[in-house]
Amino acid sequence: MHESVLRLIDILPPDEAVRDEINWSAVARRFGHGFPDDYMDFMGAYGPGAINDSFSIGSPVLIEDSSWPPRFIGDITSDGLHLLDGVGPGVAWGEDCAAAYVFWNAEGRDPNEWTVSVVGRTGSRTDFSFGMADFLLYLLRSRTEDIPVALFSPESPRFMHWREEGRLRSEWLNPWPEL
């Protein structure tokens, strides 16, 4: 397991009861490229879902058999691509509740070399020199005013898998009562 995902697990425990099996070869064929190891390991440990109902991590697989499916990274990318304004190839993997998109700067053939950029709905851009898992660690360890995305209650982070959130919502229960 990627060392940054292991550090993330220490401060943001995954939901052990809910897991998704992902065929990464099929995902790579669909997109025409592979994905960073930390993202694949994150998906293995957590799956798609949200942190504190304000920051969502998209699914590499299009899921249509649910009332509450997770956002597909292909859709997140196409929704936010206009914000990149021709800066280079980007693949979005996350978004926040204030319409900021989190992209990999997908230049180069090795996905493990891709860095992260956050692009706000107004086109503001913040570039980072690290990958997805290290970005999430930064997000959860930084002061609120230093975070380039909206995150409710970063001092008490909680991850919820999309299936668990959907199950609670289908029972008319608030999945995030503490927020």
Protein backbone atom coordinates (compact mmCIF):
# COMPACT_ATOMS: atom_id res chain seq x y z
CA MET A 1 0.00 0.00 0.00
CA HIS A 2 1.21 3.52 -0.82
CA GLU A 3 2.86 5.08 2.27
CA SER A 4 0.79 8.28 2.00
CA VAL A 5 -2.44 6.26 1.96
CA LEU A 6 -1.27 4.46 5.10
CA ARG A 7 -0.66 7.84 6.80
CA LEU A 8 -4.10 8.97 5.63
CA ILE A 9 -5.73 5.89 7.16
CA ASP A 10 -4.26 6.91 10.55
CA ILE A 11 -6.13 10.24 10.55
CA LEU A 12 -9.13 9.39 8.36
CA PRO A 13 -10.26 5.81 8.96
CA PRO A 14 -12.02 4.15 6.00
CA ASP A 15 -15.37 2.41 6.29
CA GLU A 16 -14.25 -1.20 6.59
CA ALA A 17 -17.76 -2.54 5.91
CA VAL A 18 -18.05 -1.15 2.39
CA ARG A 19 -15.64 -1.91 -0.44
CA ASP A 20 -15.70 -1.81 -4.22
CA GLU A 21 -13.75 -4.14 -6.49
CA ILE A 22 -12.21 -2.20 -9.38
CA ASN A 23 -10.84 -3.75 -12.54
CA TRP A 24 -7.95 -1.33 -13.11
CA SER A 25 -7.07 -2.87 -16.50
CA ALA A 26 -10.59 -2.10 -17.75
CA VAL A 27 -10.41 1.42 -16.28
CA ALA A 28 -7.07 2.05 -18.05
CA ARG A 29 -8.52 0.82 -21.35
CA ARG A 30 -11.54 3.11 -20.98
CA PHE A 31 -9.44 6.21 -20.25
CA GLY A 32 -6.45 5.37 -22.43
CA HIS A 33 -4.01 5.67 -19.51
CA GLY A 34 -3.27 4.24 -16.10
CA PHE A 35 -3.78 5.97 -12.76
CA PRO A 36 -1.46 6.89 -9.89
CA ASP A 37 -0.71 4.14 -7.38
CA ASP A 38 -1.90 6.28 -4.46
CA TYR A 39 -5.33 6.74 -6.11
CA MET A 40 -5.64 3.02 -6.81
CA ASP A 41 -4.63 2.22 -3.22
CA PHE A 42 -7.05 4.88 -1.93
CA MET A 43 -9.85 3.27 -3.93
CA GLY A 44 -8.89 -0.11 -2.48
CA ALA A 45 -8.96 1.19 1.09
CA TYR A 46 -11.81 3.70 0.87
CA GLY A 47 -13.61 3.61 -2.48
CA PRO A 48 -15.39 6.65 -3.88
CA GLY A 49 -17.12 8.89 -1.36
CA ALA A 50 -16.94 12.12 0.58
CA ILE A 51 -15.07 13.75 3.41
CA ASN A 52 -17.37 15.67 5.75
CA ASP A 53 -20.08 15.99 3.08
CA SER A 54 -18.08 18.75 1.43
CA PHE A 55 -15.22 17.18 -0.53
CA SER A 56 -15.92 14.26 -2.87
CA ILE A 57 -13.48 11.78 -4.37
CA GLY A 58 -14.78 10.48 -7.69
CA SER A 59 -15.15 6.94 -8.93
CA PRO A 60 -13.02 5.56 -11.76
CA VAL A 61 -16.00 3.41 -12.74
CA LEU A 62 -19.34 4.71 -14.02
CA ILE A 63 -22.01 3.42 -11.63
CA GLU A 64 -25.59 3.73 -12.83
CA ASP A 65 -27.43 1.19 -10.69
CA SER A 66 -27.99 3.37 -7.67
CA SER A 67 -30.21 6.22 -6.53
CA TRP A 68 -27.13 7.90 -4.99
CA PRO A 69 -24.20 7.00 -7.27
CA PRO A 70 -20.78 8.56 -6.75
CA ARG A 71 -19.55 11.09 -9.26
CA PHE A 72 -17.65 9.48 -12.12
CA ILE A 73 -14.21 11.02 -12.71
CA GLY A 74 -15.00 11.25 -16.42
CA ASP A 75 -17.99 13.49 -15.63
CA ILE A 76 -16.06 15.56 -13.08
CA THR A 77 -13.33 16.08 -15.68
CA SER A 78 -15.73 17.16 -18.43
CA ASP A 79 -17.61 19.47 -16.02
CA GLY A 80 -14.43 21.23 -14.90
CA LEU A 81 -12.26 21.03 -18.00
CA HIS A 82 -13.21 24.50 -19.25
CA LEU A 83 -11.59 25.91 -16.10
CA LEU A 84 -8.17 24.56 -17.11
CA ASP A 85 -8.24 26.94 -20.08
CA GLY A 86 -5.80 24.98 -22.21
CA VAL A 87 -3.15 24.74 -19.49
CA GLY A 88 -2.45 21.09 -20.26
CA PRO A 89 -4.02 17.70 -19.93
CA GLY A 90 -5.96 17.25 -16.76
CA VAL A 91 -7.96 14.46 -15.16
CA ALA A 92 -10.28 15.50 -12.34
CA TRP A 93 -10.61 13.19 -9.37
CA GLY A 94 -12.30 15.38 -6.78
CA GLU A 95 -14.58 18.34 -6.25
CA ASP A 96 -15.86 20.37 -3.36
CA CYS A 97 -19.22 21.84 -2.39
CA ALA A 98 -18.15 25.28 -3.67
CA ALA A 99 -17.51 24.05 -7.25
CA ALA A 100 -13.73 23.76 -7.06
CA TYR A 101 -12.27 20.88 -9.06
CA VAL A 102 -9.17 18.91 -8.14
CA PHE A 103 -7.20 17.73 -11.16
CA TRP A 104 -4.14 15.68 -11.80
CA ASN A 105 -1.75 17.49 -14.10
CA ALA A 106 -1.65 14.51 -16.44
CA GLU A 107 1.47 15.45 -18.37
CA GLY A 108 3.87 12.62 -18.94
CA ARG A 109 3.35 8.93 -19.32
CA ASP A 110 3.89 7.93 -15.69
CA PRO A 111 0.74 8.64 -13.64
CA ASN A 112 2.82 8.43 -10.44
CA GLU A 113 4.52 11.67 -11.53
CA TRP A 114 1.22 13.55 -11.91
CA THR A 115 0.81 16.46 -9.51
CA VAL A 116 -2.39 18.07 -8.25
CA SER A 117 -4.03 21.39 -9.10
CA VAL A 118 -7.15 22.91 -7.59
CA VAL A 119 -9.15 25.08 -9.95
CA GLY A 120 -11.94 27.21 -8.52
CA ARG A 121 -15.17 28.04 -10.30
CA THR A 122 -13.79 31.49 -11.13
CA GLY A 123 -10.67 29.99 -12.73
CA SER A 124 -8.31 30.58 -9.79
CA ARG A 125 -5.67 27.87 -9.72
CA THR A 126 -3.44 26.50 -6.98
CA ASP A 127 -0.76 24.01 -8.00
CA PHE A 128 0.83 21.48 -5.70
CA SER A 129 4.04 19.51 -6.17
CA PHE A 130 2.59 16.25 -4.88
CA GLY A 131 -0.04 13.65 -5.69
CA MET A 132 -3.53 12.78 -4.55
CA ALA A 133 -2.92 11.13 -1.16
CA ASP A 134 -0.42 13.80 -0.10
CA PHE A 135 -2.92 16.46 -1.17
CA LEU A 136 -5.56 14.88 1.09
CA LEU A 137 -3.04 14.79 3.96
CA TYR A 138 -2.31 18.48 3.33
CA LEU A 139 -6.02 19.22 3.24
CA LEU A 140 -6.64 17.53 6.58
CA ARG A 141 -3.55 18.94 8.35
CA SER A 142 -3.68 22.57 7.21
CA ARG A 143 -5.29 25.59 8.79
CA THR A 144 -8.71 26.28 7.31
CA GLU A 145 -7.64 29.57 5.71
CA ASP A 146 -4.82 27.77 3.85
CA ILE A 147 -7.06 25.18 2.23
CA PRO A 148 -7.91 25.87 -1.43
CA VAL A 149 -11.14 23.84 -1.28
CA ALA A 150 -14.22 23.99 0.93
CA LEU A 151 -14.11 21.43 3.72
CA PHE A 152 -16.57 21.46 6.60
CA SER A 153 -15.04 20.78 10.03
CA PRO A 154 -11.52 19.79 8.91
CA GLU A 155 -10.54 19.35 12.57
CA SER A 156 -12.76 16.24 12.78
CA PRO A 157 -12.60 14.55 9.37
CA ARG A 158 -14.83 11.63 8.47
CA PHE A 159 -14.94 9.68 5.23
CA MET A 160 -18.16 8.08 4.06
CA HIS A 161 -18.34 5.59 1.22
CA TRP A 162 -20.97 6.42 -1.39
CA ARG A 163 -22.92 3.19 -0.75
CA GLU A 164 -23.24 3.94 2.97
CA GLU A 165 -24.35 7.50 2.30
CA GLY A 166 -26.91 6.21 -0.22
CA ARG A 167 -28.18 3.61 2.23
CA LEU A 168 -28.71 6.22 4.94
CA ARG A 169 -30.37 8.67 2.57
CA SER A 170 -32.71 5.97 1.23
CA GLU A 171 -33.84 5.42 4.86
CA TRP A 172 -34.41 9.18 5.22
CA LEU A 173 -31.54 9.45 7.70
CA ASN A 174 -29.06 12.29 7.77
CA PRO A 175 -25.67 10.73 6.92
CA TRP A 176 -23.84 13.74 8.35
CA PRO A 177 -25.68 14.72 11.55
CA GLU A 178 -22.57 16.21 13.18
CA LEU A 179 -22.11 18.84 10.47
